[in-house]
Amino acid sequence: MGDVINLAEIRERNMMPDPDCVTEDAQGIPLYCFAIDYWHGESCFTLTLWAYSWEDAEARLKAIRSTGAVVGKIVSVTPL
């Protein structure tokens, strides 16, 4: 007889983010990368947002709606 497959374990493993989609804050608490979609004209665009949870991502998006501002154009990114 073949090996027994634990489907719950496989589903959980498949839901874990790739290493480049999770980081830690200064206290070692994980931050996850969330996708934020928005429409401009007839086109849909996506921003990324780092947050502790889905609820935190929604709270951060709410803060962006009320206090967000364009502060400059990014011209270079240096990998960590």
C-alpha atoms as a PDB file:
ATOM      1  CA  MET A   1       0.000   0.000   0.000  1.00  0.00           C
ATOM      2  CA  GLY A   2       1.231   3.537  -0.769  1.00  0.00           C
ATOM      3  CA  ASP A   3       2.003   6.364   1.614  1.00  0.00           C
ATOM      4  CA  VAL A   4      -0.832   8.230   3.318  1.00  0.00           C
ATOM      5  CA  ILE A   5      -1.103  11.862   2.215  1.00  0.00           C
ATOM      6  CA  ASN A   6      -2.206  14.458   4.771  1.00  0.00           C
ATOM      7  CA  LEU A   7      -4.280  16.840   2.615  1.00  0.00           C
ATOM      8  CA  ALA A   8      -4.600  19.416   5.410  1.00  0.00           C
ATOM      9  CA  GLU A   9      -0.796  19.629   5.625  1.00  0.00           C
ATOM     10  CA  ILE A  10      -0.467  20.011   1.850  1.00  0.00           C
ATOM     11  CA  ARG A  11      -3.122  22.758   1.757  1.00  0.00           C
ATOM     12  CA  GLU A  12      -1.389  24.618   4.602  1.00  0.00           C
ATOM     13  CA  ARG A  13       1.991  24.330   2.862  1.00  0.00           C
ATOM     14  CA  ASN A  14       0.477  25.636  -0.396  1.00  0.00           C
ATOM     15  CA  MET A  15      -0.949  28.666   1.441  1.00  0.00           C
ATOM     16  CA  MET A  16       2.408  29.708   2.931  1.00  0.00           C
ATOM     17  CA  PRO A  17       3.936  32.711   1.150  1.00  0.00           C
ATOM     18  CA  ASP A  18       7.163  32.447  -0.805  1.00  0.00           C
ATOM     19  CA  PRO A  19      10.198  33.731   1.143  1.00  0.00           C
ATOM     20  CA  ASP A  20      10.294  36.999  -0.835  1.00  0.00           C
ATOM     21  CA  CYS A  21       6.669  37.716   0.181  1.00  0.00           C
ATOM     22  CA  VAL A  22       7.274  37.708   3.945  1.00  0.00           C
ATOM     23  CA  THR A  23       9.677  39.719   6.081  1.00  0.00           C
ATOM     24  CA  GLU A  24       9.991  40.654   9.750  1.00  0.00           C
ATOM     25  CA  ASP A  25       9.691  43.959  11.580  1.00  0.00           C
ATOM     26  CA  ALA A  26      12.300  45.173  14.093  1.00  0.00           C
ATOM     27  CA  GLN A  27      10.710  42.982  16.799  1.00  0.00           C
ATOM     28  CA  GLY A  28      10.801  39.854  14.627  1.00  0.00           C
ATOM     29  CA  ILE A  29       7.049  39.820  13.917  1.00  0.00           C
ATOM     30  CA  PRO A  30       6.214  38.612  10.389  1.00  0.00           C
ATOM     31  CA  LEU A  31       4.941  41.098   7.806  1.00  0.00           C
ATOM     32  CA  TYR A  32       3.233  39.765   4.682  1.00  0.00           C
ATOM     33  CA  CYS A  33       2.936  41.282   1.214  1.00  0.00           C
ATOM     34  CA  PHE A  34      -0.669  42.033   0.171  1.00  0.00           C
ATOM     35  CA  ALA A  35      -1.961  43.081  -3.255  1.00  0.00           C
ATOM     36  CA  ILE A  36      -4.126  46.221  -3.463  1.00  0.00           C
ATOM     37  CA  ASP A  37      -6.094  46.653  -6.712  1.00  0.00           C
ATOM     38  CA  TYR A  38      -7.488  49.956  -7.911  1.00  0.00           C
ATOM     39  CA  TRP A  39      -9.021  51.321 -11.089  1.00  0.00           C
ATOM     40  CA  HIS A  40      -7.804  54.391 -12.964  1.00  0.00           C
ATOM     41  CA  GLY A  41      -9.859  55.129 -16.038  1.00  0.00           C
ATOM     42  CA  GLU A  42     -10.576  51.788 -17.668  1.00  0.00           C
ATOM     43  CA  SER A  43      -7.421  50.064 -16.394  1.00  0.00           C
ATOM     44  CA  CYS A  44      -6.817  48.075 -13.217  1.00  0.00           C
ATOM     45  CA  PHE A  45      -3.498  48.478 -11.383  1.00  0.00           C
ATOM     46  CA  THR A  46      -2.013  46.693  -8.378  1.00  0.00           C
ATOM     47  CA  LEU A  47       0.083  48.066  -5.522  1.00  0.00           C
ATOM     48  CA  THR A  48       1.843  45.994  -2.888  1.00  0.00           C
ATOM     49  CA  LEU A  49       1.442  46.702   0.807  1.00  0.00           C
ATOM     50  CA  TRP A  50       3.252  45.134   3.784  1.00  0.00           C
ATOM     51  CA  ALA A  51       0.975  44.283   6.719  1.00  0.00           C
ATOM     52  CA  TYR A  52       0.722  41.913   9.681  1.00  0.00           C
ATOM     53  CA  SER A  53      -2.632  40.408   8.640  1.00  0.00           C
ATOM     54  CA  TRP A  54      -5.565  40.837   6.245  1.00  0.00           C
ATOM     55  CA  GLU A  55      -7.262  43.107   8.799  1.00  0.00           C
ATOM     56  CA  ASP A  56      -4.080  45.173   9.185  1.00  0.00           C
ATOM     57  CA  ALA A  57      -3.826  45.492   5.390  1.00  0.00           C
ATOM     58  CA  GLU A  58      -7.405  46.815   5.280  1.00  0.00           C
ATOM     59  CA  ALA A  59      -6.624  49.300   8.084  1.00  0.00           C
ATOM     60  CA  ARG A  60      -3.498  50.481   6.247  1.00  0.00           C
ATOM     61  CA  LEU A  61      -5.487  50.930   3.025  1.00  0.00           C
ATOM     62  CA  LYS A  62      -8.025  53.011   4.967  1.00  0.00           C
ATOM     63  CA  ALA A  63      -5.145  55.168   6.277  1.00  0.00           C
ATOM     64  CA  ILE A  64      -3.851  55.592   2.717  1.00  0.00           C
ATOM     65  CA  ARG A  65      -7.312  56.744   1.595  1.00  0.00           C
ATOM     66  CA  SER A  66      -7.402  59.451   4.259  1.00  0.00           C
ATOM     67  CA  THR A  67      -3.743  60.528   4.546  1.00  0.00           C
ATOM     68  CA  GLY A  68      -1.898  59.214   1.479  1.00  0.00           C
ATOM     69  CA  ALA A  69       0.218  61.575  -0.625  1.00  0.00           C
ATOM     70  CA  VAL A  70       2.623  61.258  -3.538  1.00  0.00           C
ATOM     71  CA  VAL A  71       6.009  62.196  -2.063  1.00  0.00           C
ATOM     72  CA  GLY A  72       8.404  61.442  -4.917  1.00  0.00           C
ATOM     73  CA  LYS A  73       9.302  59.248  -7.866  1.00  0.00           C
ATOM     74  CA  ILE A  74      11.397  56.134  -7.195  1.00  0.00           C
ATOM     75  CA  VAL A  75      14.320  55.995  -9.613  1.00  0.00           C
ATOM     76  CA  SER A  76      16.356  53.101  -8.201  1.00  0.00           C
ATOM     77  CA  VAL A  77      15.907  50.141  -5.871  1.00  0.00           C
ATOM     78  CA  THR A  78      18.800  48.486  -4.069  1.00  0.00           C
ATOM     79  CA  PRO A  79      18.104  44.909  -2.940  1.00  0.00           C
ATOM     80  CA  LEU A  80      18.706  44.198   0.739  1.00  0.00           C
END
